[in-house]
Amino acid sequence: MMGEAVLYDALRQALWVAMLMSAPLLGVALVAGVTIGLLQALTSVQEMTLTFVPKVGAMLVVFWVSMSFMTSTLLAFFADQIIPMIEGS
């Protein structure tokens, strides 16, 4: 039977893996949003779609580039942590 400490440790590691996997996307969304916001403030152009389209485009590019990192991180977490816990070893 799995103890509470093992469960909490697995949950902590799962949250860390989720943070690692989402960091590139969230980082590029933040940088793109701030950059476009500064450009809008400098040029006094207040168009709602101007912030949305470049941010989504940048996030798609970063997702495509970092997809192998995300996949390998998730697979390593499952192979090293979750599968041994299920097997009971």
PDB file of N, CA and C in Angstrom:
ATOM      1  N   MET A   1       0.835  -1.179   0.000  1.00  0.00           N
ATOM      2  CA  MET A   1       0.000   0.000   0.000  1.00  0.00           C
ATOM      3  C   MET A   1       0.884   1.249   0.000  1.00  0.00           C
ATOM      4  N   MET A   2       0.456   2.257  -0.716  1.00  0.00           N
ATOM      5  CA  MET A   2       1.235   3.477  -0.879  1.00  0.00           C
ATOM      6  C   MET A   2       0.945   4.423   0.289  1.00  0.00           C
ATOM      7  N   GLY A   3       2.026   4.913   0.901  1.00  0.00           N
ATOM      8  CA  GLY A   3       1.871   5.837   2.009  1.00  0.00           C
ATOM      9  C   GLY A   3       1.585   7.256   1.536  1.00  0.00           C
ATOM     10  N   GLU A   4       1.180   8.079   2.478  1.00  0.00           N
ATOM     11  CA  GLU A   4       0.869   9.473   2.140  1.00  0.00           C
ATOM     12  C   GLU A   4       2.096  10.219   1.650  1.00  0.00           C
ATOM     13  N   ALA A   5       3.248   9.944   2.234  1.00  0.00           N
ATOM     14  CA  ALA A   5       4.476  10.643   1.842  1.00  0.00           C
ATOM     15  C   ALA A   5       4.832  10.346   0.390  1.00  0.00           C
ATOM     16  N   VAL A   6       4.650   9.110  -0.024  1.00  0.00           N
ATOM     17  CA  VAL A   6       4.947   8.726  -1.408  1.00  0.00           C
ATOM     18  C   VAL A   6       3.975   9.412  -2.356  1.00  0.00           C
ATOM     19  N   LEU A   7       2.713   9.463  -1.968  1.00  0.00           N
ATOM     20  CA  LEU A   7       1.708  10.113  -2.792  1.00  0.00           C
ATOM     21  C   LEU A   7       1.996  11.613  -2.929  1.00  0.00           C
ATOM     22  N   TYR A   8       2.317  12.263  -1.822  1.00  0.00           N
ATOM     23  CA  TYR A   8       2.605  13.699  -1.869  1.00  0.00           C
ATOM     24  C   TYR A   8       3.879  13.993  -2.655  1.00  0.00           C
ATOM     25  N   ASP A   9       4.862  13.109  -2.548  1.00  0.00           N
ATOM     26  CA  ASP A   9       6.090  13.296  -3.314  1.00  0.00           C
ATOM     27  C   ASP A   9       5.820  13.142  -4.808  1.00  0.00           C
ATOM     28  N   ALA A  10       4.998  12.172  -5.179  1.00  0.00           N
ATOM     29  CA  ALA A  10       4.643  11.997  -6.588  1.00  0.00           C
ATOM     30  C   ALA A  10       3.855  13.196  -7.099  1.00  0.00           C
ATOM     31  N   LEU A  11       2.963  13.713  -6.280  1.00  0.00           N
ATOM     32  CA  LEU A  11       2.195  14.896  -6.668  1.00  0.00           C
ATOM     33  C   LEU A  11       3.096  16.115  -6.825  1.00  0.00           C
ATOM     34  N   ARG A  12       4.055  16.276  -5.911  1.00  0.00           N
ATOM     35  CA  ARG A  12       5.005  17.392  -6.014  1.00  0.00           C
ATOM     36  C   ARG A  12       5.824  17.290  -7.294  1.00  0.00           C
ATOM     37  N   GLN A  13       6.295  16.090  -7.606  1.00  0.00           N
ATOM     38  CA  GLN A  13       7.070  15.903  -8.827  1.00  0.00           C
ATOM     39  C   GLN A  13       6.210  16.117 -10.071  1.00  0.00           C
ATOM     40  N   ALA A  14       4.954  15.716 -10.031  1.00  0.00           N
ATOM     41  CA  ALA A  14       4.057  15.927 -11.170  1.00  0.00           C
ATOM     42  C   ALA A  14       3.815  17.416 -11.394  1.00  0.00           C
ATOM     43  N   LEU A  15       3.656  18.173 -10.325  1.00  0.00           N
ATOM     44  CA  LEU A  15       3.483  19.623 -10.466  1.00  0.00           C
ATOM     45  C   LEU A  15       4.749  20.280 -11.014  1.00  0.00           C
ATOM     46  N   TRP A  16       5.905  19.794 -10.603  1.00  0.00           N
ATOM     47  CA  TRP A  16       7.164  20.331 -11.117  1.00  0.00           C
ATOM     48  C   TRP A  16       7.300  20.040 -12.612  1.00  0.00           C
ATOM     49  N   VAL A  17       6.942  18.831 -13.033  1.00  0.00           N
ATOM     50  CA  VAL A  17       6.999  18.463 -14.446  1.00  0.00           C
ATOM     51  C   VAL A  17       6.024  19.327 -15.249  1.00  0.00           C
ATOM     52  N   ALA A  18       4.834  19.554 -14.710  1.00  0.00           N
ATOM     53  CA  ALA A  18       3.854  20.400 -15.396  1.00  0.00           C
ATOM     54  C   ALA A  18       4.379  21.821 -15.531  1.00  0.00           C
ATOM     55  N   MET A  19       5.062  22.324 -14.498  1.00  0.00           N
ATOM     56  CA  MET A  19       5.641  23.666 -14.570  1.00  0.00           C
ATOM     57  C   MET A  19       6.750  23.723 -15.620  1.00  0.00           C
ATOM     58  N   LEU A  20       7.599  22.705 -15.647  1.00  0.00           N
ATOM     59  CA  LEU A  20       8.672  22.671 -16.647  1.00  0.00           C
ATOM     60  C   LEU A  20       8.128  22.626 -18.070  1.00  0.00           C
ATOM     61  N   MET A  21       7.061  21.861 -18.261  1.00  0.00           N
ATOM     62  CA  MET A  21       6.503  21.727 -19.604  1.00  0.00           C
ATOM     63  C   MET A  21       5.773  22.985 -20.052  1.00  0.00           C
ATOM     64  N   SER A  22       5.177  23.716 -19.136  1.00  0.00           N
ATOM     65  CA  SER A  22       4.417  24.904 -19.517  1.00  0.00           C
ATOM     66  C   SER A  22       5.262  26.172 -19.535  1.00  0.00           C
ATOM     67  N   ALA A  23       6.458  26.138 -18.957  1.00  0.00           N
ATOM     68  CA  ALA A  23       7.287  27.344 -18.858  1.00  0.00           C
ATOM     69  C   ALA A  23       7.625  27.974 -20.215  1.00  0.00           C
ATOM     70  N   PRO A  24       8.020  27.206 -21.233  1.00  0.00           N
ATOM     71  CA  PRO A  24       8.326  27.858 -22.514  1.00  0.00           C
ATOM     72  C   PRO A  24       7.122  28.582 -23.117  1.00  0.00           C
ATOM     73  N   LEU A  25       5.955  27.960 -23.064  1.00  0.00           N
ATOM     74  CA  LEU A  25       4.760  28.586 -23.635  1.00  0.00           C
ATOM     75  C   LEU A  25       4.347  29.826 -22.848  1.00  0.00           C
ATOM     76  N   LEU A  26       4.357  29.725 -21.533  1.00  0.00           N
ATOM     77  CA  LEU A  26       3.978  30.873 -20.718  1.00  0.00           C
ATOM     78  C   LEU A  26       4.988  32.009 -20.846  1.00  0.00           C
ATOM     79  N   GLY A  27       6.265  31.649 -20.958  1.00  0.00           N
ATOM     80  CA  GLY A  27       7.298  32.675 -21.113  1.00  0.00           C
ATOM     81  C   GLY A  27       7.158  33.444 -22.407  1.00  0.00           C
ATOM     82  N   VAL A  28       6.926  32.740 -23.505  1.00  0.00           N
ATOM     83  CA  VAL A  28       6.785  33.434 -24.784  1.00  0.00           C
ATOM     84  C   VAL A  28       5.492  34.237 -24.832  1.00  0.00           C
ATOM     85  N   ALA A  29       4.443  33.750 -24.172  1.00  0.00           N
ATOM     86  CA  ALA A  29       3.198  34.524 -24.121  1.00  0.00           C
ATOM     87  C   ALA A  29       3.413  35.821 -23.335  1.00  0.00           C
ATOM     88  N   LEU A  30       4.162  35.744 -22.256  1.00  0.00           N
ATOM     89  CA  LEU A  30       4.453  36.939 -21.461  1.00  0.00           C
ATOM     90  C   LEU A  30       5.285  37.943 -22.242  1.00  0.00           C
ATOM     91  N   VAL A  31       6.348  37.466 -22.875  1.00  0.00           N
ATOM     92  CA  VAL A  31       7.222  38.371 -23.636  1.00  0.00           C
ATOM     93  C   VAL A  31       6.473  38.988 -24.813  1.00  0.00           C
ATOM     94  N   ALA A  32       5.718  38.178 -25.536  1.00  0.00           N
ATOM     95  CA  ALA A  32       4.963  38.704 -26.682  1.00  0.00           C
ATOM     96  C   ALA A  32       3.904  39.696 -26.225  1.00  0.00           C
ATOM     97  N   GLY A  33       3.218  39.402 -25.135  1.00  0.00           N
ATOM     98  CA  GLY A  33       2.193  40.312 -24.638  1.00  0.00           C
ATOM     99  C   GLY A  33       2.757  41.642 -24.182  1.00  0.00           C
ATOM    100  N   VAL A  34       3.875  41.606 -23.463  1.00  0.00           N
ATOM    101  CA  VAL A  34       4.496  42.853 -23.002  1.00  0.00           C
ATOM    102  C   VAL A  34       5.030  43.652 -24.184  1.00  0.00           C
ATOM    103  N   THR A  35       5.668  42.976 -25.129  1.00  0.00           N
ATOM    104  CA  THR A  35       6.213  43.672 -26.298  1.00  0.00           C
ATOM    105  C   THR A  35       5.112  44.333 -27.120  1.00  0.00           C
ATOM    106  N   ILE A  36       4.059  43.603 -27.374  1.00  0.00           N
ATOM    107  CA  ILE A  36       2.962  44.161 -28.171  1.00  0.00           C
ATOM    108  C   ILE A  36       2.248  45.262 -27.388  1.00  0.00           C
ATOM    109  N   GLY A  37       2.119  45.084 -26.077  1.00  0.00           N
ATOM    110  CA  GLY A  37       1.526  46.124 -25.250  1.00  0.00           C
ATOM    111  C   GLY A  37       2.331  47.410 -25.273  1.00  0.00           C
ATOM    112  N   LEU A  38       3.663  47.274 -25.232  1.00  0.00           N
ATOM    113  CA  LEU A  38       4.518  48.468 -25.335  1.00  0.00           C
ATOM    114  C   LEU A  38       4.373  49.139 -26.690  1.00  0.00           C
ATOM    115  N   LEU A  39       4.343  48.341 -27.754  1.00  0.00           N
ATOM    116  CA  LEU A  39       4.164  48.913 -29.088  1.00  0.00           C
ATOM    117  C   LEU A  39       2.819  49.615 -29.216  1.00  0.00           C
ATOM    118  N   GLN A  40       1.786  49.026 -28.627  1.00  0.00           N
ATOM    119  CA  GLN A  40       0.475  49.668 -28.680  1.00  0.00           C
ATOM    120  C   GLN A  40       0.467  50.970 -27.884  1.00  0.00           C
ATOM    121  N   ALA A  41       1.147  50.985 -26.757  1.00  0.00           N
ATOM    122  CA  ALA A  41       1.194  52.207 -25.954  1.00  0.00           C
ATOM    123  C   ALA A  41       1.994  53.302 -26.658  1.00  0.00           C
ATOM    124  N   LEU A  42       3.057  52.907 -27.350  1.00  0.00           N
ATOM    125  CA  LEU A  42       3.880  53.894 -28.049  1.00  0.00           C
ATOM    126  C   LEU A  42       3.180  54.472 -29.270  1.00  0.00           C
ATOM    127  N   THR A  43       2.392  53.634 -29.951  1.00  0.00           N
ATOM    128  CA  THR A  43       1.757  54.088 -31.191  1.00  0.00           C
ATOM    129  C   THR A  43       0.300  54.489 -31.004  1.00  0.00           C
ATOM    130  N   SER A  44      -0.240  54.322 -29.818  1.00  0.00           N
ATOM    131  CA  SER A  44      -1.643  54.636 -29.505  1.00  0.00           C
ATOM    132  C   SER A  44      -2.622  53.843 -30.366  1.00  0.00           C
ATOM    133  N   VAL A  45      -2.218  52.652 -30.787  1.00  0.00           N
ATOM    134  CA  VAL A  45      -3.110  51.767 -31.526  1.00  0.00           C
ATOM    135  C   VAL A  45      -3.721  50.805 -30.516  1.00  0.00           C
ATOM    136  N   GLN A  46      -5.030  50.845 -30.355  1.00  0.00           N
ATOM    137  CA  GLN A  46      -5.698  49.985 -29.380  1.00  0.00           C
ATOM    138  C   GLN A  46      -6.610  48.999 -30.101  1.00  0.00           C
ATOM    139  N   GLU A  47      -6.021  48.006 -30.671  1.00  0.00           N
ATOM    140  CA  GLU A  47      -6.757  46.978 -31.400  1.00  0.00           C
ATOM    141  C   GLU A  47      -6.630  45.664 -30.629  1.00  0.00           C
ATOM    142  N   MET A  48      -7.757  45.050 -30.300  1.00  0.00           N
ATOM    143  CA  MET A  48      -7.743  43.833 -29.482  1.00  0.00           C
ATOM    144  C   MET A  48      -7.108  42.645 -30.212  1.00  0.00           C
ATOM    145  N   THR A  49      -7.347  42.525 -31.499  1.00  0.00           N
ATOM    146  CA  THR A  49      -6.792  41.389 -32.230  1.00  0.00           C
ATOM    147  C   THR A  49      -5.295  41.526 -32.440  1.00  0.00           C
ATOM    148  N   LEU A  50      -4.763  42.719 -32.299  1.00  0.00           N
ATOM    149  CA  LEU A  50      -3.328  42.923 -32.478  1.00  0.00           C
ATOM    150  C   LEU A  50      -2.532  42.194 -31.397  1.00  0.00           C
ATOM    151  N   THR A  51      -3.087  42.052 -30.215  1.00  0.00           N
ATOM    152  CA  THR A  51      -2.374  41.313 -29.169  1.00  0.00           C
ATOM    153  C   THR A  51      -2.590  39.816 -29.295  1.00  0.00           C
ATOM    154  N   PHE A  52      -3.750  39.405 -29.766  1.00  0.00           N
ATOM    155  CA  PHE A  52      -4.099  37.985 -29.790  1.00  0.00           C
ATOM    156  C   PHE A  52      -3.357  37.206 -30.867  1.00  0.00           C
ATOM    157  N   VAL A  53      -3.370  37.683 -32.077  1.00  0.00           N
ATOM    158  CA  VAL A  53      -2.822  36.922 -33.211  1.00  0.00           C
ATOM    159  C   VAL A  53      -1.310  36.710 -33.102  1.00  0.00           C
ATOM    160  N   PRO A  54      -0.501  37.731 -32.840  1.00  0.00           N
ATOM    161  CA  PRO A  54       0.942  37.465 -32.710  1.00  0.00           C
ATOM    162  C   PRO A  54       1.288  36.578 -31.513  1.00  0.00           C
ATOM    163  N   LYS A  55       0.523  36.734 -30.425  1.00  0.00           N
ATOM    164  CA  LYS A  55       0.793  35.913 -29.250  1.00  0.00           C
ATOM    165  C   LYS A  55       0.511  34.445 -29.541  1.00  0.00           C
ATOM    166  N   VAL A  56      -0.583  34.155 -30.204  1.00  0.00           N
ATOM    167  CA  VAL A  56      -0.907  32.769 -30.551  1.00  0.00           C
ATOM    168  C   VAL A  56       0.102  32.222 -31.555  1.00  0.00           C
ATOM    169  N   GLY A  57       0.499  33.045 -32.519  1.00  0.00           N
ATOM    170  CA  GLY A  57       1.505  32.603 -33.486  1.00  0.00           C
ATOM    171  C   GLY A  57       2.833  32.271 -32.825  1.00  0.00           C
ATOM    172  N   ALA A  58       3.277  33.126 -31.918  1.00  0.00           N
ATOM    173  CA  ALA A  58       4.533  32.874 -31.209  1.00  0.00           C
ATOM    174  C   ALA A  58       4.431  31.620 -30.344  1.00  0.00           C
ATOM    175  N   MET A  59       3.282  31.430 -29.713  1.00  0.00           N
ATOM    176  CA  MET A  59       3.108  30.243 -28.879  1.00  0.00           C
ATOM    177  C   MET A  59       3.091  28.968 -29.715  1.00  0.00           C
ATOM    178  N   LEU A  60       2.502  29.018 -30.903  1.00  0.00           N
ATOM    179  CA  LEU A  60       2.517  27.847 -31.778  1.00  0.00           C
ATOM    180  C   LEU A  60       3.928  27.495 -32.218  1.00  0.00           C
ATOM    181  N   VAL A  61       4.720  28.505 -32.539  1.00  0.00           N
ATOM    182  CA  VAL A  61       6.109  28.255 -32.949  1.00  0.00           C
ATOM    183  C   VAL A  61       6.903  27.653 -31.798  1.00  0.00           C
ATOM    184  N   VAL A  62       6.765  28.225 -30.608  1.00  0.00           N
ATOM    185  CA  VAL A  62       7.500  27.703 -29.452  1.00  0.00           C
ATOM    186  C   VAL A  62       7.015  26.304 -29.089  1.00  0.00           C
ATOM    187  N   PHE A  63       5.716  26.057 -29.209  1.00  0.00           N
ATOM    188  CA  PHE A  63       5.206  24.712 -28.936  1.00  0.00           C
ATOM    189  C   PHE A  63       5.799  23.712 -29.912  1.00  0.00           C
ATOM    190  N   TRP A  64       5.867  24.067 -31.175  1.00  0.00           N
ATOM    191  CA  TRP A  64       6.417  23.170 -32.186  1.00  0.00           C
ATOM    192  C   TRP A  64       7.899  22.894 -31.908  1.00  0.00           C
ATOM    193  N   VAL A  65       8.632  23.937 -31.516  1.00  0.00           N
ATOM    194  CA  VAL A  65      10.065  23.775 -31.251  1.00  0.00           C
ATOM    195  C   VAL A  65      10.303  22.958 -29.978  1.00  0.00           C
ATOM    196  N   SER A  66       9.509  23.182 -28.943  1.00  0.00           N
ATOM    197  CA  SER A  66       9.754  22.525 -27.654  1.00  0.00           C
ATOM    198  C   SER A  66       8.943  21.249 -27.456  1.00  0.00           C
ATOM    199  N   MET A  67       8.284  20.770 -28.488  1.00  0.00           N
ATOM    200  CA  MET A  67       7.467  19.570 -28.349  1.00  0.00           C
ATOM    201  C   MET A  67       8.300  18.350 -27.952  1.00  0.00           C
ATOM    202  N   SER A  68       9.492  18.200 -28.496  1.00  0.00           N
ATOM    203  CA  SER A  68      10.319  17.043 -28.144  1.00  0.00           C
ATOM    204  C   SER A  68      10.777  17.127 -26.688  1.00  0.00           C
ATOM    205  N   PHE A  69      11.090  18.336 -26.209  1.00  0.00           N
ATOM    206  CA  PHE A  69      11.454  18.513 -24.799  1.00  0.00           C
ATOM    207  C   PHE A  69      10.295  18.139 -23.886  1.00  0.00           C
ATOM    208  N   MET A  70       9.107  18.590 -24.240  1.00  0.00           N
ATOM    209  CA  MET A  70       7.930  18.295 -23.418  1.00  0.00           C
ATOM    210  C   MET A  70       7.635  16.798 -23.389  1.00  0.00           C
ATOM    211  N   THR A  71       7.734  16.163 -24.547  1.00  0.00           N
ATOM    212  CA  THR A  71       7.463  14.728 -24.634  1.00  0.00           C
ATOM    213  C   THR A  71       8.484  13.929 -23.844  1.00  0.00           C
ATOM    214  N   SER A  72       9.762  14.255 -23.997  1.00  0.00           N
ATOM    215  CA  SER A  72      10.791  13.511 -23.272  1.00  0.00           C
ATOM    216  C   SER A  72      10.690  13.739 -21.767  1.00  0.00           C
ATOM    217  N   THR A  73      10.330  14.939 -21.340  1.00  0.00           N
ATOM    218  CA  THR A  73      10.158  15.209 -19.910  1.00  0.00           C
ATOM    219  C   THR A  73       9.016  14.393 -19.338  1.00  0.00           C
ATOM    220  N   LEU A  74       7.898  14.362 -20.035  1.00  0.00           N
ATOM    221  CA  LEU A  74       6.746  13.611 -19.549  1.00  0.00           C
ATOM    222  C   LEU A  74       7.006  12.113 -19.560  1.00  0.00           C
ATOM    223  N   LEU A  75       7.642  11.619 -20.616  1.00  0.00           N
ATOM    224  CA  LEU A  75       7.957  10.190 -20.676  1.00  0.00           C
ATOM    225  C   LEU A  75       8.939   9.789 -19.587  1.00  0.00           C
ATOM    226  N   ALA A  76       9.931  10.628 -19.324  1.00  0.00           N
ATOM    227  CA  ALA A  76      10.890  10.326 -18.262  1.00  0.00           C
ATOM    228  C   ALA A  76      10.209  10.298 -16.899  1.00  0.00           C
ATOM    229  N   PHE A  77       9.281  11.223 -16.675  1.00  0.00           N
ATOM    230  CA  PHE A  77       8.556  11.229 -15.403  1.00  0.00           C
ATOM    231  C   PHE A  77       7.754   9.949 -15.227  1.00  0.00           C
ATOM    232  N   PHE A  78       7.050   9.537 -16.265  1.00  0.00           N
ATOM    233  CA  PHE A  78       6.253   8.320 -16.152  1.00  0.00           C
ATOM    234  C   PHE A  78       7.140   7.085 -16.016  1.00  0.00           C
ATOM    235  N   ALA A  79       8.223   7.028 -16.804  1.00  0.00           N
ATOM    236  CA  ALA A  79       9.080   5.842 -16.758  1.00  0.00           C
ATOM    237  C   ALA A  79       9.841   5.739 -15.436  1.00  0.00           C
ATOM    238  N   ASP A  80      10.261   6.868 -14.879  1.00  0.00           N
ATOM    239  CA  ASP A  80      11.069   6.844 -13.667  1.00  0.00           C
ATOM    240  C   ASP A  80      10.246   6.862 -12.382  1.00  0.00           C
ATOM    241  N   GLN A  81       9.060   7.452 -12.404  1.00  0.00           N
ATOM    242  CA  GLN A  81       8.303   7.638 -11.170  1.00  0.00           C
ATOM    243  C   GLN A  81       6.984   6.861 -11.137  1.00  0.00           C
ATOM    244  N   ILE A  82       6.147   7.077 -12.131  1.00  0.00           N
ATOM    245  CA  ILE A  82       4.782   6.553 -12.066  1.00  0.00           C
ATOM    246  C   ILE A  82       4.715   5.049 -12.317  1.00  0.00           C
ATOM    247  N   ILE A  83       5.382   4.577 -13.368  1.00  0.00           N
ATOM    248  CA  ILE A  83       5.338   3.148 -13.686  1.00  0.00           C
ATOM    249  C   ILE A  83       5.915   2.295 -12.544  1.00  0.00           C
ATOM    250  N   PRO A  84       7.068   2.660 -11.953  1.00  0.00           N
ATOM    251  CA  PRO A  84       7.544   1.872 -10.781  1.00  0.00           C
ATOM    252  C   PRO A  84       6.591   1.894  -9.600  1.00  0.00           C
ATOM    253  N   MET A  85       5.865   3.030  -9.408  1.00  0.00           N
ATOM    254  CA  MET A  85       4.899   3.071  -8.325  1.00  0.00           C
ATOM    255  C   MET A  85       3.725   2.132  -8.595  1.00  0.00           C
ATOM    256  N   ILE A  86       3.315   2.038  -9.851  1.00  0.00           N
ATOM    257  CA  ILE A  86       2.210   1.159 -10.216  1.00  0.00           C
ATOM    258  C   ILE A  86       2.635  -0.304 -10.054  1.00  0.00           C
ATOM    259  N   GLU A  87       3.877  -0.607 -10.462  1.00  0.00           N
ATOM    260  CA  GLU A  87       4.389  -1.956 -10.349  1.00  0.00           C
ATOM    261  C   GLU A  87       4.629  -2.355  -8.894  1.00  0.00           C
ATOM    262  N   GLY A  88       4.843  -1.351  -8.043  1.00  0.00           N
ATOM    263  CA  GLY A  88       5.065  -1.620  -6.629  1.00  0.00           C
ATOM    264  C   GLY A  88       6.517  -1.861  -6.290  1.00  0.00           C
ATOM    265  N   SER A  89       7.425  -1.435  -7.151  1.00  0.00           N
ATOM    266  CA  SER A  89       8.845  -1.634  -6.857  1.00  0.00           C
ATOM    267  C   SER A  89       9.475  -0.418  -6.237  1.00  0.00           C
TER     268      SER A  89
END
